[in-house]
Amino acid sequence: MRRLRQLAEHTPAGRERYVDLLRALAITMVVFGHWGVTAIGRDSSGQVTGHSALGDLRWAYPLTWLAQVMPVFFLVGGYANAASLTRLRARGGDAAGWLIDRSARLVRPTSTLLLVLTAGAAVAWLRGTDPTRIREVFWFATIPLWFLVAYLAAVALTPPMYALHRRFGLTIPLTLVALVGLGDLGRLTGPEALSYGNYLFGWLAVHQIGFAWHDTRQTPPPAAGPPGDTAATASEAGPTPAAGPSAHDRPGVRRWRRLPTSRRAGLVFLAGGLATVLLLTGPGPWPVAMLHVPGERLDNAAPPSLALLAVAAGQLGLILLLSGPAERLLRRTGPWSLVIGVNLVVLTVFLWHLTAAILLIGVLDAIGALPTPAVDSAAWWAWRVPWLLLLSAVLAVLVAIFGRVEARSGRHRTGRRTGRGTPARTASTVAAYAAVVAALLLNSATASRAPEPLGTPVPALVAYLAGAGVLRLLRSGWGTRG
């Protein structure tokens, strides 16, 4: 706590604390949301099974408009990525160096999760566990990687997409929204394949809004300090000044590149988003729930729909309206210290929260103390409080063990080497990063009951390890000149 308080007290005045708070809140809500709607039961053979309880909680569907916080995650990611890319380029770095920087905080904690889970799967297989059962457990533990794949893709595309933003401003997210609409039309009338691009277009649209927010709110950067220290998914080892000149200070920034952030704009976003989502989910064809509901023909989040983007607009309005009170609160040392602490390990929390559920369920089942009440019954609701408390305790242990990997990642920054890389480094960076994304995508797309002795397809594991290994080599400085 002393270390957190020291970091809080030495936070520069230019730090955008609200962005860090939103990141911490988004991930915390994802964790408690997943835990809260988990329903545990048993199949005909007595095996423990789990599923989402939302199918039995129809009254809670409108609440998912607040609980679906992935748009906030991508909004904050766009802001942070624009800030760090601007800072690195101001110091003479290039896009490849920036992407290598980002891989430190994103790939290293992910590698830890995958290696631990793979080792556990291998042990289970050697002890005679059914490979189908191994895959089922592995698949559940790696559900967070569905979102991480999309975010990794957005990170990789940040340099070209930010260049487009600087030239065309808010025209880019509007175009992406139109493409999502075209994909929705394909989902409703065919061909459905037309909607697959929404997995990228939907989240990129929100990510681009983060660029516009950054252009509006940032203050000029200091003359010195490490680049790339506003992490996309977690704060760095300590608070650092926000980066990038403001829209008013930077030449060439026009209104159509800046996000309106007045109270009036917040009200417009909130009211417009709410009205649109009511239209699309009432008389319109989209389900009310913004999270996956078992048995529903359509899913607003997989891939993102226009209804989900309308919810994102409403959430943006709420964020703008609450910015004043939140910023005043974060000037206090106590609340800001808490935000710093969460952000230091926020990706670890996100990656391991379902593994915590698996471990707790396994322990309770082994000692014969696993409750399996019917969803929405009095017993089920009574079990929610101890369930969440026990899960929090298990996750705290996992974060204490593995969170140091994420915390240390921020101390080894390629961005401090401001020389520009060789063409070989650039090509290697792109290939390695692509291998990591493709491997995670293959793992997520593989059926949950496929017979996989190692939990994940071997080609996915090999591709991931190769890509992560090359990125680690690049972070050591290979291929840099200057």
Protein backbone atom coordinates (compact mmCIF):
# COMPACT_ATOMS: atom_id res chain seq x y z
CA MET A 1 0.00 0.00 0.00
CA ARG A 2 2.89 2.36 0.72
CA ARG A 3 4.16 1.88 -2.84
CA LEU A 4 0.72 2.63 -4.29
CA ARG A 5 0.39 5.73 -2.15
CA GLN A 6 3.80 6.94 -3.30
CA LEU A 7 2.84 6.42 -6.92
CA ALA A 8 -0.44 8.25 -6.33
CA GLU A 9 1.23 11.20 -4.63
CA HIS A 10 3.78 11.56 -7.44
CA THR A 11 1.27 11.41 -10.29
CA PRO A 12 1.94 14.31 -12.69
CA ALA A 13 -0.83 16.82 -13.13
CA GLY A 14 -1.26 15.91 -16.79
CA ARG A 15 -2.18 12.27 -16.13
CA GLU A 16 -5.61 11.37 -17.52
CA ARG A 17 -6.85 9.55 -14.43
CA TYR A 18 -10.40 9.06 -15.69
CA VAL A 19 -9.17 6.80 -18.49
CA ASP A 20 -7.43 4.57 -15.94
CA LEU A 21 -10.58 4.44 -13.81
CA LEU A 22 -12.72 3.42 -16.78
CA ARG A 23 -10.31 0.63 -17.69
CA ALA A 24 -10.32 -0.73 -14.14
CA LEU A 25 -14.12 -0.50 -13.88
CA ALA A 26 -14.67 -2.19 -17.24
CA ILE A 27 -12.56 -5.22 -16.40
CA THR A 28 -13.97 -5.46 -12.87
CA MET A 29 -17.51 -5.46 -14.25
CA VAL A 30 -16.62 -8.15 -16.79
CA VAL A 31 -15.24 -10.36 -14.03
CA PHE A 32 -18.18 -9.99 -11.66
CA GLY A 33 -20.62 -10.21 -14.56
CA HIS A 34 -19.22 -13.56 -15.71
CA TRP A 35 -19.16 -14.88 -12.16
CA GLY A 36 -22.61 -13.57 -11.32
CA VAL A 37 -24.46 -15.24 -14.21
CA THR A 38 -22.67 -18.58 -13.94
CA ALA A 39 -25.06 -21.45 -13.25
CA ILE A 40 -23.62 -24.75 -12.05
CA GLY A 41 -25.37 -28.07 -12.59
CA ARG A 42 -24.75 -31.72 -13.40
CA ASP A 43 -25.35 -33.75 -16.53
CA SER A 44 -26.89 -37.23 -16.72
CA SER A 45 -23.57 -38.85 -15.81
CA GLY A 46 -23.11 -36.68 -12.73
CA GLN A 47 -20.38 -34.51 -14.26
CA VAL A 48 -20.33 -30.86 -13.25
CA THR A 49 -21.49 -28.50 -16.00
CA GLY A 50 -21.72 -24.74 -16.23
CA HIS A 51 -23.72 -22.33 -18.37
CA SER A 52 -24.97 -18.76 -18.45
CA ALA A 53 -28.03 -18.13 -16.30
CA LEU A 54 -29.24 -15.31 -18.55
CA GLY A 55 -31.55 -17.63 -20.44
CA ASP A 56 -33.61 -17.95 -17.25
CA LEU A 57 -33.37 -14.29 -16.25
CA ARG A 58 -35.24 -12.49 -19.03
CA TRP A 59 -36.12 -9.61 -16.72
CA ALA A 60 -32.38 -8.84 -16.46
CA TYR A 61 -31.83 -8.36 -20.22
CA PRO A 62 -32.00 -4.52 -20.10
CA LEU A 63 -29.37 -4.56 -17.34
CA THR A 64 -26.91 -5.96 -19.87
CA TRP A 65 -26.89 -2.55 -21.53
CA LEU A 66 -24.71 -1.48 -18.61
CA ALA A 67 -23.07 -4.84 -17.95
CA GLN A 68 -21.73 -5.17 -21.51
CA VAL A 69 -18.65 -3.01 -20.99
CA MET A 70 -16.41 -4.23 -23.79
CA PRO A 71 -17.16 -0.99 -25.69
CA VAL A 72 -15.66 0.92 -22.75
CA PHE A 73 -12.60 -1.33 -22.90
CA PHE A 74 -12.07 -0.56 -26.60
CA LEU A 75 -12.81 3.16 -26.15
CA VAL A 76 -10.15 3.43 -23.47
CA GLY A 77 -7.82 1.27 -25.56
CA GLY A 78 -8.12 3.66 -28.50
CA TYR A 79 -7.36 6.61 -26.26
CA ALA A 80 -4.32 4.91 -24.70
CA ASN A 81 -2.98 3.57 -28.00
CA ALA A 82 -3.20 7.01 -29.62
CA ALA A 83 -1.41 8.53 -26.63
CA SER A 84 1.49 6.05 -26.60
CA LEU A 85 1.90 6.02 -30.40
CA THR A 86 2.03 9.82 -30.48
CA ARG A 87 4.60 9.85 -27.70
CA LEU A 88 6.83 7.22 -29.27
CA ARG A 89 6.86 8.91 -32.66
CA ALA A 90 7.70 12.23 -31.03
CA ARG A 91 10.82 10.53 -29.68
CA GLY A 92 11.85 9.15 -33.06
CA GLY A 93 10.38 5.64 -32.78
CA ASP A 94 8.48 3.78 -35.47
CA ALA A 95 5.29 1.72 -35.72
CA ALA A 96 7.13 -1.61 -35.42
CA GLY A 97 8.82 -0.49 -32.20
CA TRP A 98 5.46 0.64 -30.84
CA LEU A 99 3.87 -2.73 -31.62
CA ILE A 100 6.76 -4.55 -29.94
CA ASP A 101 6.21 -2.32 -26.90
CA ARG A 102 2.55 -3.21 -26.77
CA SER A 103 3.29 -6.92 -27.02
CA ALA A 104 5.15 -6.80 -23.70
CA ARG A 105 2.05 -5.97 -21.67
CA LEU A 106 -0.39 -8.02 -23.77
CA VAL A 107 1.48 -11.17 -24.78
CA ARG A 108 3.56 -11.99 -21.71
CA PRO A 109 0.61 -12.37 -19.28
CA THR A 110 -1.30 -14.29 -21.98
CA SER A 111 1.66 -16.62 -22.48
CA THR A 112 1.73 -17.35 -18.76
CA LEU A 113 -1.95 -18.32 -18.78
CA LEU A 114 -1.61 -20.57 -21.83
CA LEU A 115 1.53 -22.30 -20.61
CA VAL A 116 0.04 -23.03 -17.18
CA LEU A 117 -3.22 -24.31 -18.66
CA THR A 118 -1.38 -26.42 -21.23
CA ALA A 119 0.81 -27.95 -18.52
CA GLY A 120 -2.28 -28.75 -16.50
CA ALA A 121 -3.96 -30.31 -19.53
CA ALA A 122 -0.88 -32.44 -20.26
CA VAL A 123 -0.85 -33.76 -16.69
CA ALA A 124 -4.57 -34.56 -16.86
CA TRP A 125 -4.11 -36.39 -20.17
CA LEU A 126 -1.22 -38.46 -18.82
CA ARG A 127 -3.45 -39.43 -15.91
CA GLY A 128 -6.08 -40.74 -18.32
CA THR A 129 -8.57 -37.86 -18.46
CA ASP A 130 -10.82 -37.83 -21.52
CA PRO A 131 -9.36 -35.31 -24.08
CA THR A 132 -12.87 -34.03 -24.73
CA ARG A 133 -13.25 -33.16 -21.07
CA ILE A 134 -9.80 -31.53 -21.08
CA ARG A 135 -10.78 -29.33 -24.01
CA GLU A 136 -14.06 -28.37 -22.35
CA VAL A 137 -12.29 -27.09 -19.25
CA PHE A 138 -9.55 -25.39 -21.30
CA TRP A 139 -12.15 -23.74 -23.54
CA PHE A 140 -14.04 -22.32 -20.56
CA ALA A 141 -10.84 -20.98 -18.97
CA THR A 142 -9.83 -19.23 -22.20
CA ILE A 143 -13.17 -17.55 -23.00
CA PRO A 144 -11.51 -14.15 -22.25
CA LEU A 145 -9.26 -14.73 -25.27
CA TRP A 146 -12.26 -14.17 -27.57
CA PHE A 147 -12.14 -10.48 -26.70
CA LEU A 148 -8.37 -10.34 -26.53
CA VAL A 149 -8.13 -11.53 -30.16
CA ALA A 150 -10.22 -8.57 -31.32
CA TYR A 151 -8.25 -6.19 -29.15
CA LEU A 152 -4.89 -7.49 -30.38
CA ALA A 153 -6.10 -6.93 -33.94
CA ALA A 154 -7.12 -3.36 -33.06
CA VAL A 155 -3.70 -2.74 -31.53
CA ALA A 156 -1.90 -4.06 -34.62
CA LEU A 157 -4.01 -1.80 -36.84
CA THR A 158 -3.52 1.30 -34.67
CA PRO A 159 -0.69 2.90 -36.74
CA PRO A 160 -2.57 2.83 -40.08
CA MET A 161 -5.97 3.51 -38.47
CA TYR A 162 -4.58 6.47 -36.53
CA ALA A 163 -3.11 7.82 -39.77
CA LEU A 164 -6.59 7.57 -41.31
CA HIS A 165 -8.03 9.29 -38.26
CA ARG A 166 -5.62 12.20 -38.63
CA ARG A 167 -6.74 12.65 -42.21
CA PHE A 168 -10.45 11.86 -42.11
CA GLY A 169 -11.38 12.12 -38.43
CA LEU A 170 -14.83 10.95 -37.37
CA THR A 171 -15.63 9.92 -40.93
CA ILE A 172 -13.76 6.66 -40.25
CA PRO A 173 -15.91 5.38 -37.34
CA LEU A 174 -19.04 6.42 -39.22
CA THR A 175 -17.88 4.38 -42.19
CA LEU A 176 -17.17 1.41 -39.92
CA VAL A 177 -20.67 1.71 -38.42
CA ALA A 178 -22.09 1.58 -41.94
CA LEU A 179 -20.10 -1.60 -42.60
CA VAL A 180 -21.50 -3.12 -39.41
CA GLY A 181 -24.98 -2.28 -40.69
CA LEU A 182 -24.20 -4.08 -43.94
CA GLY A 183 -23.00 -7.08 -41.95
CA ASP A 184 -26.19 -7.03 -39.89
CA LEU A 185 -28.20 -7.11 -43.09
CA GLY A 186 -26.25 -10.18 -44.14
CA ARG A 187 -27.02 -11.87 -40.82
CA LEU A 188 -30.73 -11.16 -41.15
CA THR A 189 -31.28 -11.85 -44.84
CA GLY A 190 -28.12 -13.60 -46.03
CA PRO A 191 -25.47 -14.34 -46.80
CA GLU A 192 -24.44 -14.65 -43.16
CA ALA A 193 -20.76 -14.61 -44.12
CA LEU A 194 -21.24 -10.89 -44.81
CA SER A 195 -21.43 -10.34 -41.05
CA TYR A 196 -18.06 -11.90 -40.18
CA GLY A 197 -16.28 -8.59 -40.73
CA ASN A 198 -18.30 -7.13 -37.86
CA TYR A 199 -15.96 -8.85 -35.41
CA LEU A 200 -13.36 -6.32 -36.55
CA PHE A 201 -15.43 -3.39 -37.86
CA GLY A 202 -17.57 -3.07 -34.72
CA TRP A 203 -14.73 -2.91 -32.24
CA LEU A 204 -12.59 -0.77 -34.54
CA ALA A 205 -15.40 1.81 -34.70
CA VAL A 206 -15.30 2.20 -30.91
CA HIS A 207 -11.50 2.15 -30.91
CA GLN A 208 -11.47 5.05 -33.40
CA ILE A 209 -13.69 7.10 -31.10
CA GLY A 210 -10.95 6.66 -28.51
CA PHE A 211 -8.55 8.38 -30.94
CA ALA A 212 -10.93 11.33 -31.23
CA TRP A 213 -11.27 11.52 -27.46
CA HIS A 214 -7.49 11.57 -27.11
CA ASP A 215 -7.21 14.46 -29.57
CA THR A 216 -9.66 16.46 -27.47
CA ARG A 217 -8.38 15.88 -23.97
CA GLN A 218 -4.61 15.56 -24.10
CA THR A 219 -2.10 18.16 -22.97
CA PRO A 220 1.40 18.68 -24.35
CA PRO A 221 3.86 15.93 -23.36
CA PRO A 222 6.92 16.50 -21.19
CA ALA A 223 10.31 16.81 -22.83
CA ALA A 224 11.54 13.55 -21.30
CA GLY A 225 10.17 10.29 -20.00
CA PRO A 226 9.65 6.79 -21.34
CA PRO A 227 7.34 6.47 -24.32
CA GLY A 228 4.46 4.06 -24.54
CA ASP A 229 3.63 4.11 -20.86
CA THR A 230 -0.11 4.52 -21.14
CA ALA A 231 -1.04 0.86 -21.53
CA ALA A 232 -4.00 -0.24 -23.57
CA THR A 233 -5.09 -2.81 -21.07
CA ALA A 234 -3.31 -1.76 -17.92
CA SER A 235 -1.45 1.15 -16.44
CA GLU A 236 2.29 0.90 -16.42
CA ALA A 237 4.38 0.33 -13.32
CA GLY A 238 3.48 3.81 -12.16
CA PRO A 239 1.52 6.89 -13.20
CA THR A 240 3.15 8.91 -15.93
CA PRO A 241 2.19 12.07 -17.73
CA ALA A 242 -0.46 11.79 -20.37
CA ALA A 243 0.98 12.16 -23.80
CA GLY A 244 0.24 14.01 -26.97
CA PRO A 245 -0.55 17.66 -27.58
CA SER A 246 -4.10 18.72 -27.27
CA ALA A 247 -6.37 19.31 -30.21
CA HIS A 248 -6.04 23.03 -29.57
CA ASP A 249 -2.23 22.95 -29.45
CA ARG A 250 -1.46 20.56 -32.30
CA PRO A 251 -1.45 22.04 -35.82
CA GLY A 252 -3.82 20.52 -38.32
CA VAL A 253 -6.39 19.22 -35.82
CA ARG A 254 -9.86 20.21 -36.97
CA ARG A 255 -13.22 19.84 -35.29
CA TRP A 256 -14.15 16.74 -37.29
CA ARG A 257 -11.19 14.96 -35.70
CA ARG A 258 -12.25 15.79 -32.16
CA LEU A 259 -14.93 14.10 -30.09
CA PRO A 260 -17.53 16.53 -28.71
CA THR A 261 -17.19 16.26 -24.93
CA SER A 262 -19.52 18.94 -23.56
CA ARG A 263 -22.38 18.10 -21.21
CA ARG A 264 -24.76 18.72 -24.09
CA ALA A 265 -22.86 16.24 -26.24
CA GLY A 266 -23.04 13.69 -23.42
CA LEU A 267 -26.80 14.07 -23.24
CA VAL A 268 -27.12 13.70 -27.02
CA PHE A 269 -25.02 10.52 -27.05
CA LEU A 270 -26.93 9.07 -24.11
CA ALA A 271 -30.40 9.89 -25.42
CA GLY A 272 -29.58 9.02 -29.02
CA GLY A 273 -27.96 5.72 -28.10
CA LEU A 274 -30.84 4.74 -25.81
CA ALA A 275 -33.49 5.66 -28.39
CA THR A 276 -31.67 3.73 -31.12
CA VAL A 277 -31.22 0.57 -29.05
CA LEU A 278 -34.89 0.67 -28.03
CA LEU A 279 -35.84 0.90 -31.69
CA LEU A 280 -33.51 -1.90 -32.78
CA THR A 281 -34.50 -4.29 -29.98
CA GLY A 282 -38.22 -3.44 -29.72
CA PRO A 283 -39.78 -3.31 -33.18
CA GLY A 284 -36.38 -4.16 -34.61
CA PRO A 285 -34.94 -7.67 -34.99
CA TRP A 286 -32.18 -7.64 -32.39
CA PRO A 287 -32.42 -9.30 -28.96
CA VAL A 288 -32.62 -7.07 -25.91
CA ALA A 289 -29.66 -8.75 -24.17
CA MET A 290 -26.20 -7.44 -25.08
CA LEU A 291 -24.50 -10.55 -23.70
CA HIS A 292 -24.67 -14.11 -25.01
CA VAL A 293 -27.92 -15.89 -24.15
CA PRO A 294 -28.04 -19.66 -24.70
CA GLY A 295 -30.56 -20.61 -27.36
CA GLU A 296 -30.92 -17.14 -28.95
CA ARG A 297 -30.68 -17.15 -32.75
CA LEU A 298 -28.96 -13.76 -32.81
CA ASP A 299 -26.18 -12.47 -30.56
CA ASN A 300 -25.48 -8.74 -30.30
CA ALA A 301 -21.85 -9.28 -29.29
CA ALA A 302 -20.79 -12.13 -31.58
CA PRO A 303 -20.29 -10.37 -33.87
CA PRO A 304 -21.02 -6.79 -32.72
CA SER A 305 -24.32 -5.48 -34.07
CA LEU A 306 -25.73 -2.01 -34.64
CA ALA A 307 -27.67 -2.49 -31.40
CA LEU A 308 -24.44 -3.00 -29.49
CA LEU A 309 -22.92 0.10 -31.10
CA ALA A 310 -26.03 2.05 -30.03
CA VAL A 311 -25.41 0.86 -26.48
CA ALA A 312 -21.78 1.97 -26.89
CA ALA A 313 -22.98 5.45 -27.88
CA GLY A 314 -25.19 5.61 -24.80
CA GLN A 315 -22.31 4.48 -22.58
CA LEU A 316 -20.10 7.15 -24.14
CA GLY A 317 -22.70 9.77 -23.22
CA LEU A 318 -22.78 8.51 -19.64
CA ILE A 319 -18.97 8.57 -19.49
CA LEU A 320 -18.91 12.20 -20.62
CA LEU A 321 -21.61 13.21 -18.14
CA LEU A 322 -19.80 11.58 -15.21
CA SER A 323 -16.33 12.83 -16.10
CA GLY A 324 -16.43 15.90 -13.84
CA PRO A 325 -17.39 14.15 -10.58
CA ALA A 326 -15.07 11.22 -11.37
CA GLU A 327 -12.08 13.47 -11.98
CA ARG A 328 -12.71 15.32 -8.73
CA LEU A 329 -12.87 12.00 -6.86
CA LEU A 330 -9.63 10.80 -8.44
CA ARG A 331 -7.72 13.82 -7.14
CA ARG A 332 -7.95 12.16 -3.73
CA THR A 333 -5.05 9.87 -2.88
CA GLY A 334 -7.11 6.94 -1.62
CA PRO A 335 -9.36 6.35 -4.65
CA TRP A 336 -6.51 7.04 -7.07
CA SER A 337 -4.24 4.56 -5.26
CA LEU A 338 -6.92 1.90 -5.66
CA VAL A 339 -7.18 2.62 -9.39
CA ILE A 340 -3.40 2.34 -9.75
CA GLY A 341 -3.39 -0.98 -7.90
CA VAL A 342 -6.07 -2.51 -10.12
CA ASN A 343 -4.47 -1.29 -13.32
CA LEU A 344 -1.10 -2.78 -12.43
CA VAL A 345 -2.61 -6.27 -12.75
CA VAL A 346 -5.81 -5.62 -14.71
CA LEU A 347 -4.99 -7.94 -17.61
CA THR A 348 -4.04 -10.71 -15.19
CA VAL A 349 -7.39 -10.29 -13.45
CA PHE A 350 -9.20 -10.52 -16.79
CA LEU A 351 -7.27 -13.55 -18.04
CA TRP A 352 -7.48 -15.65 -14.87
CA HIS A 353 -10.98 -14.95 -13.55
CA LEU A 354 -12.59 -17.99 -15.18
CA THR A 355 -9.71 -20.22 -14.15
CA ALA A 356 -10.51 -19.12 -10.60
CA ALA A 357 -14.07 -20.35 -11.12
CA ILE A 358 -12.83 -23.73 -12.40
CA LEU A 359 -10.54 -24.16 -9.40
CA LEU A 360 -13.24 -23.25 -6.89
CA ILE A 361 -15.81 -25.53 -8.52
CA GLY A 362 -13.28 -28.37 -8.55
CA VAL A 363 -12.42 -27.95 -4.87
CA LEU A 364 -16.06 -27.67 -3.75
CA ASP A 365 -17.01 -30.68 -5.86
CA ALA A 366 -14.13 -32.73 -4.46
CA ILE A 367 -15.22 -32.12 -0.87
CA GLY A 368 -18.90 -32.61 -1.66
CA ALA A 369 -19.86 -29.01 -0.93
CA LEU A 370 -20.80 -27.73 -4.40
CA PRO A 371 -24.34 -26.29 -4.45
CA THR A 372 -26.32 -26.68 -7.69
CA PRO A 373 -29.56 -24.78 -7.02
CA ALA A 374 -32.00 -23.96 -9.81
CA VAL A 375 -31.40 -20.61 -11.46
CA ASP A 376 -33.49 -17.73 -10.05
CA SER A 377 -34.52 -19.75 -7.01
CA ALA A 378 -34.10 -18.35 -3.51
CA ALA A 379 -31.21 -20.77 -2.92
CA TRP A 380 -29.46 -19.64 -6.11
CA TRP A 381 -29.67 -16.00 -5.12
CA ALA A 382 -28.56 -16.76 -1.55
CA TRP A 383 -25.51 -18.54 -2.98
CA ARG A 384 -24.47 -15.48 -5.06
CA VAL A 385 -22.81 -13.62 -2.16
CA PRO A 386 -20.60 -16.45 -0.81
CA TRP A 387 -19.94 -17.53 -4.40
CA LEU A 388 -18.57 -14.12 -5.35
CA LEU A 389 -16.57 -13.79 -2.13
CA LEU A 390 -14.96 -17.21 -2.55
CA LEU A 391 -14.16 -16.50 -6.19
CA SER A 392 -12.59 -13.18 -5.24
CA ALA A 393 -10.36 -14.95 -2.73
CA VAL A 394 -9.23 -17.57 -5.28
CA LEU A 395 -8.57 -14.91 -7.91
CA ALA A 396 -6.59 -12.84 -5.40
CA VAL A 397 -4.26 -15.81 -4.89
CA LEU A 398 -3.84 -16.28 -8.65
CA VAL A 399 -3.12 -12.56 -9.13
CA ALA A 400 -0.57 -12.64 -6.30
CA ILE A 401 1.22 -15.48 -8.09
CA PHE A 402 0.96 -14.41 -11.72
CA GLY A 403 0.33 -10.66 -11.53
CA ARG A 404 4.03 -9.94 -11.13
CA VAL A 405 4.54 -11.06 -14.75
CA GLU A 406 2.33 -8.21 -15.92
CA ALA A 407 3.79 -5.71 -13.46
CA ARG A 408 7.35 -6.53 -14.54
CA SER A 409 6.44 -6.26 -18.22
CA GLY A 410 6.10 -2.50 -17.91
CA ARG A 411 9.72 -2.19 -16.76
CA HIS A 412 11.22 -3.62 -19.95
CA ARG A 413 10.18 -1.17 -22.60
CA THR A 414 11.47 -1.39 -26.15
CA GLY A 415 10.18 2.14 -26.65
CA ARG A 416 13.07 3.54 -24.63
CA ARG A 417 15.23 2.67 -27.63
CA THR A 418 14.12 5.43 -29.93
CA GLY A 419 16.11 4.33 -32.98
CA ARG A 420 14.18 3.18 -36.00
CA GLY A 421 14.20 -0.52 -36.84
CA THR A 422 15.48 -2.35 -39.88
CA PRO A 423 13.11 -3.72 -42.56
CA ALA A 424 13.84 -7.21 -41.21
CA ARG A 425 12.65 -6.16 -37.76
CA THR A 426 9.47 -4.67 -39.16
CA ALA A 427 8.68 -7.81 -41.17
CA SER A 428 9.47 -10.05 -38.19
CA THR A 429 7.26 -7.97 -35.91
CA VAL A 430 4.27 -8.18 -38.23
CA ALA A 431 4.73 -11.93 -38.82
CA ALA A 432 5.18 -12.72 -35.12
CA TYR A 433 2.23 -10.63 -34.05
CA ALA A 434 0.06 -12.19 -36.76
CA ALA A 435 1.06 -15.66 -35.56
CA VAL A 436 -0.01 -14.82 -32.01
CA VAL A 437 -3.39 -13.46 -33.14
CA ALA A 438 -4.02 -16.39 -35.51
CA ALA A 439 -3.15 -18.91 -32.79
CA LEU A 440 -5.53 -17.32 -30.28
CA LEU A 441 -8.24 -17.14 -32.92
CA LEU A 442 -7.80 -20.83 -33.76
CA ASN A 443 -8.06 -21.75 -30.09
CA SER A 444 -11.25 -19.71 -29.65
CA ALA A 445 -12.83 -21.07 -32.85
CA THR A 446 -12.17 -24.72 -31.98
CA ALA A 447 -15.24 -26.51 -30.62
CA SER A 448 -15.55 -26.69 -26.86
CA ARG A 449 -15.85 -30.49 -26.95
CA ALA A 450 -13.15 -31.28 -29.48
CA PRO A 451 -10.76 -34.06 -28.35
CA GLU A 452 -7.64 -32.01 -27.58
CA PRO A 453 -5.19 -33.74 -25.19
CA LEU A 454 -3.34 -30.45 -24.59
CA GLY A 455 -6.53 -28.43 -24.31
CA THR A 456 -5.80 -26.39 -27.43
CA PRO A 457 -4.99 -27.51 -31.01
CA VAL A 458 -1.30 -28.29 -31.39
CA PRO A 459 -0.93 -25.98 -34.47
CA ALA A 460 -2.35 -23.12 -32.41
CA LEU A 461 0.08 -23.82 -29.57
CA VAL A 462 3.09 -24.03 -31.90
CA ALA A 463 2.13 -20.84 -33.76
CA TYR A 464 1.57 -18.96 -30.54
CA LEU A 465 4.88 -20.01 -28.97
CA ALA A 466 6.76 -19.16 -32.17
CA GLY A 467 5.17 -15.72 -32.43
CA ALA A 468 5.60 -14.92 -28.75
CA GLY A 469 9.22 -16.11 -28.88
CA VAL A 470 10.07 -13.84 -31.81
CA LEU A 471 8.41 -10.87 -30.09
CA ARG A 472 10.46 -11.55 -26.98
CA LEU A 473 13.62 -11.57 -29.10
CA LEU A 474 12.59 -8.29 -30.71
CA ARG A 475 11.95 -6.73 -27.31
CA SER A 476 15.55 -7.48 -26.42
CA GLY A 477 16.58 -4.98 -29.10
CA TRP A 478 17.32 -7.20 -32.11
CA GLY A 479 17.00 -5.40 -35.44
CA THR A 480 17.16 -1.86 -34.03
CA ARG A 481 19.46 0.74 -35.42
CA GLY A 482 20.24 4.16 -34.13
